[in-house]
């Protein structure tokens, strides 16, 4: 069996384009007057080239925070400013209860993002192939499984290269092959000078070296700068009978176990 553990990453320096930082200035939000505040007194900024991991228990306000930054919600008080022109937003659950096929929906979204028909067709084809959606081109959205619908949600956010990509639990419902693509997509956005925010409770974000950490708890936000140490991914081969013990020992030593797989032919 093979266990992948993260020790110390090998992060390339990040190009920073002309985008301005996104600012959250004294942001408060509640859904109705007289109800408790979901978020309060939030102050933060996202620089071009940043990767930010948003942590917190279920119901803490992670999704609300991401929706505010994406522009899906407006703050009750305060403001979110300097949001870039192209924002890719991937909600935790893609709303697949819409008319049309996968191809029709993606082409419509490409047009909304300002792509001309030829460019839209190229972008749709590229992401359909990359995310393994070829077999679903003509399938109607309501007929998709949750995982396939999530792939469509990811594709629509990337049709026009985003300056800010916001992913709410992006690994949820995806097959293993597509989950493995997400870190590379994140790093591509950053390499172009974009910024990425991602929430995650699966532990997948250990694959995103150089990420800052935001923690949402009790309606407030705590921020932490990226770990200055580099991280590398190491594959460790162990006997199948000792798998559980090996994983436990790696975790006790402060390593993150990314995945476990059976080695073919072992």
Foldseek 3Di string as FASTA:
>chain_A
DKWKWKDWADDDDFDADPQAKKWFAQFWADDDPPDDILAGGETDIFGFLAEEEEEEDPSLCPQVVLCQLQVVDATPDTHIDRRDPQEQEQHPFQPLPDWFFLQVVQLVLLVVVPDDNVLSVVLSVVLCVVQVNVVRRGPRSVVDDRQSSLSSSNSSSPSPLGLEYEEEQSPPSHDPVNLVCVLVSQVVSRNVRHYYYYYHDPLQCVSNAQHKYWYGHPNYIDTGGGDPTGMDMDMDDDDPVCVVVVCVVCVVVPIDTNDDDDDPPD
